[in-house]
């Protein structure tokens, strides 16, 4: 059976029109389309735990619900997060950034306090630059998990 190509092979719409379309599969141009400002939402379960979304051309990973103090030699969470918020109560050293969960995972660590965070040596912190990497108060750093080296860069 020959396939019939269509620019509207599969369309989901609130009212059956292009104006109400939220999703479309275009088999002529080999595209999946999300028109009219609709958002693609990702969940890790049955629609309860948001793990990210794409909307208006922007990907947004999940932001941590709290901004904890990692403490001296403490661990900063990255699992299932796109943004890990922290708020150290004092300047912290020897911190660890939790290993990534998937190859290429990107996580931004946002320091919401006036105090700095400095990481432990690479073998302990999983941060490639080790003790040479700090996040100043009121600043952020973006890390990418390299599953080959088992380090965040």
Protein backbone atom coordinates (compact mmCIF):
# COMPACT_ATOMS: atom_id res chain seq x y z
CA UNK A 1 0.00 0.00 0.00
CA UNK A 2 1.43 3.36 -1.01
CA UNK A 3 1.64 6.08 1.60
CA UNK A 4 -0.22 9.29 0.88
CA UNK A 5 1.71 12.35 2.00
CA UNK A 6 -0.11 15.26 3.55
CA UNK A 7 0.78 18.57 5.18
CA UNK A 8 -1.97 17.74 7.71
CA UNK A 9 -1.42 13.99 8.22
CA UNK A 10 -2.27 14.17 11.91
CA UNK A 11 -3.59 17.34 13.51
CA UNK A 12 -4.86 17.91 17.04
CA UNK A 13 -7.05 20.99 17.32
CA UNK A 14 -9.38 22.49 19.90
CA UNK A 15 -11.98 23.34 17.25
CA UNK A 16 -11.02 21.46 14.07
CA UNK A 17 -9.45 24.50 12.43
CA UNK A 18 -5.86 25.60 11.83
CA UNK A 19 -6.49 28.49 14.24
CA UNK A 20 -7.15 26.00 17.05
CA UNK A 21 -4.37 23.57 16.12
CA UNK A 22 -1.93 22.61 18.87
CA UNK A 23 -0.05 19.80 17.08
CA UNK A 24 0.45 18.69 13.48
CA UNK A 25 2.41 16.06 11.56
CA UNK A 26 3.42 17.21 8.07
CA UNK A 27 4.54 14.15 6.06
CA UNK A 28 5.22 16.20 2.91
CA UNK A 29 8.01 18.19 4.58
CA UNK A 30 8.85 15.60 7.28
CA UNK A 31 8.02 17.92 10.18
CA UNK A 32 6.28 17.73 13.51
CA UNK A 33 4.76 21.14 14.12
CA UNK A 34 3.54 22.84 17.30
CA UNK A 35 1.68 25.95 16.09
CA UNK A 36 -0.16 28.78 17.81
CA UNK A 37 2.16 29.11 20.79
CA UNK A 38 1.37 25.63 22.11
CA UNK A 39 3.86 24.11 24.56
CA UNK A 40 5.38 20.62 24.60
CA UNK A 41 5.40 19.44 28.22
CA UNK A 42 7.53 16.53 29.48
CA UNK A 43 6.68 14.37 32.50
CA UNK A 44 8.54 11.57 34.27
CA UNK A 45 5.29 9.88 35.26
CA UNK A 46 1.53 10.02 34.58
CA UNK A 47 1.25 13.83 34.20
CA UNK A 48 2.33 14.72 37.75
CA UNK A 49 6.06 15.46 37.70
CA UNK A 50 7.10 18.12 35.18
CA UNK A 51 10.61 17.45 33.86
CA UNK A 52 10.78 20.18 31.23
CA UNK A 53 8.97 22.00 28.48
CA UNK A 54 9.48 23.61 25.11
CA UNK A 55 7.46 26.72 24.42
CA UNK A 56 7.88 29.67 22.06
CA UNK A 57 11.21 28.27 20.83
CA UNK A 58 12.72 27.91 24.30
CA UNK A 59 13.55 24.76 26.25
CA UNK A 60 13.13 25.04 30.01
CA UNK A 61 14.35 22.26 32.25
CA UNK A 62 12.86 21.76 35.67
CA UNK A 63 13.94 24.25 38.33
CA UNK A 64 14.57 22.96 41.85
CA UNK A 65 11.70 23.80 44.20
CA UNK A 66 14.05 25.02 46.94
CA UNK A 67 17.44 26.73 47.22
CA UNK A 68 19.23 24.78 49.97
CA UNK A 69 22.58 25.52 51.58
CA UNK A 70 24.85 22.73 50.32
CA UNK A 71 27.02 23.08 53.43
CA UNK A 72 30.78 22.56 53.55
CA UNK A 73 31.70 19.55 51.39
CA UNK A 74 28.00 19.24 50.53
CA UNK A 75 26.38 17.96 47.36
CA UNK A 76 24.38 20.08 44.90
CA UNK A 77 21.55 18.13 43.24
CA UNK A 78 21.34 17.75 39.44
CA UNK A 79 19.09 14.69 38.92
CA UNK A 80 16.19 15.56 36.61
CA UNK A 81 16.98 19.27 36.92
CA UNK A 82 17.74 21.95 34.38
CA UNK A 83 18.23 24.58 37.10
CA UNK A 84 19.61 23.76 40.55
CA UNK A 85 19.12 26.66 42.96
CA UNK A 86 21.41 27.05 45.97
CA UNK A 87 21.69 29.55 48.82
CA UNK A 88 24.81 28.93 50.92
CA UNK A 89 24.66 30.50 54.39
CA UNK A 90 28.44 31.13 54.28
CA UNK A 91 31.24 30.79 51.73
CA UNK A 92 31.44 27.04 51.02
CA UNK A 93 34.39 24.94 49.83
CA UNK A 94 34.82 21.31 48.90
CA UNK A 95 31.37 21.09 47.33
CA UNK A 96 30.28 18.27 45.04
CA UNK A 97 28.06 18.54 41.98
CA UNK A 98 25.93 15.41 41.65
CA UNK A 99 26.84 13.38 38.58
CA UNK A 100 24.63 13.78 35.52
CA UNK A 101 21.88 11.28 34.79
CA UNK A 102 22.05 11.28 30.98
CA UNK A 103 24.85 11.96 28.50
CA UNK A 104 24.93 15.65 27.54
CA UNK A 105 22.68 16.73 30.41
CA UNK A 106 22.92 20.47 30.99
CA UNK A 107 22.31 22.00 34.38
CA UNK A 108 22.60 25.59 35.53
CA UNK A 109 23.55 26.13 39.16
CA UNK A 110 22.12 29.45 40.38
CA UNK A 111 23.59 30.91 43.56
CA UNK A 112 20.86 33.02 45.15
CA UNK A 113 22.95 34.13 48.13
CA UNK A 114 25.81 36.61 48.58
CA UNK A 115 28.21 33.77 49.49
CA UNK A 116 30.39 31.78 47.11
CA UNK A 117 30.65 28.04 46.45
CA UNK A 118 33.95 26.40 45.46
CA UNK A 119 34.11 22.80 44.33
CA UNK A 120 36.33 19.97 45.57
CA UNK A 121 39.00 18.38 43.34
CA UNK A 122 37.64 16.92 40.11
CA UNK A 123 37.75 13.29 41.27
CA UNK A 124 35.54 14.15 44.23
CA UNK A 125 33.33 16.96 42.94
CA UNK A 126 32.72 15.56 39.40
CA UNK A 127 33.47 19.11 38.17
CA UNK A 128 36.25 19.06 35.56
CA UNK A 129 37.97 22.21 36.85
CA UNK A 130 37.77 21.04 40.47
CA UNK A 131 38.95 23.60 43.02
CA UNK A 132 39.45 26.14 40.23
CA UNK A 133 35.69 26.42 39.76
CA UNK A 134 33.67 28.74 42.00
CA UNK A 135 30.22 30.24 41.75
CA UNK A 136 30.17 33.72 43.24
CA UNK A 137 27.21 35.01 45.19
CA UNK A 138 24.44 36.18 42.88
CA UNK A 139 25.96 34.32 39.93
CA UNK A 140 25.32 31.13 37.97
CA UNK A 141 27.35 28.49 36.17
CA UNK A 142 26.22 26.09 33.47
CA UNK A 143 27.58 22.55 33.42
CA UNK A 144 27.34 19.74 30.85
CA UNK A 145 27.68 16.08 31.87
CA UNK A 146 30.19 14.11 29.80
CA UNK A 147 29.35 10.45 30.33
CA UNK A 148 32.68 9.40 28.76
CA UNK A 149 34.85 11.22 31.32
CA UNK A 150 32.25 11.11 34.11
CA UNK A 151 32.76 14.83 34.69
CA UNK A 152 30.74 18.02 34.41
CA UNK A 153 32.30 20.79 32.29
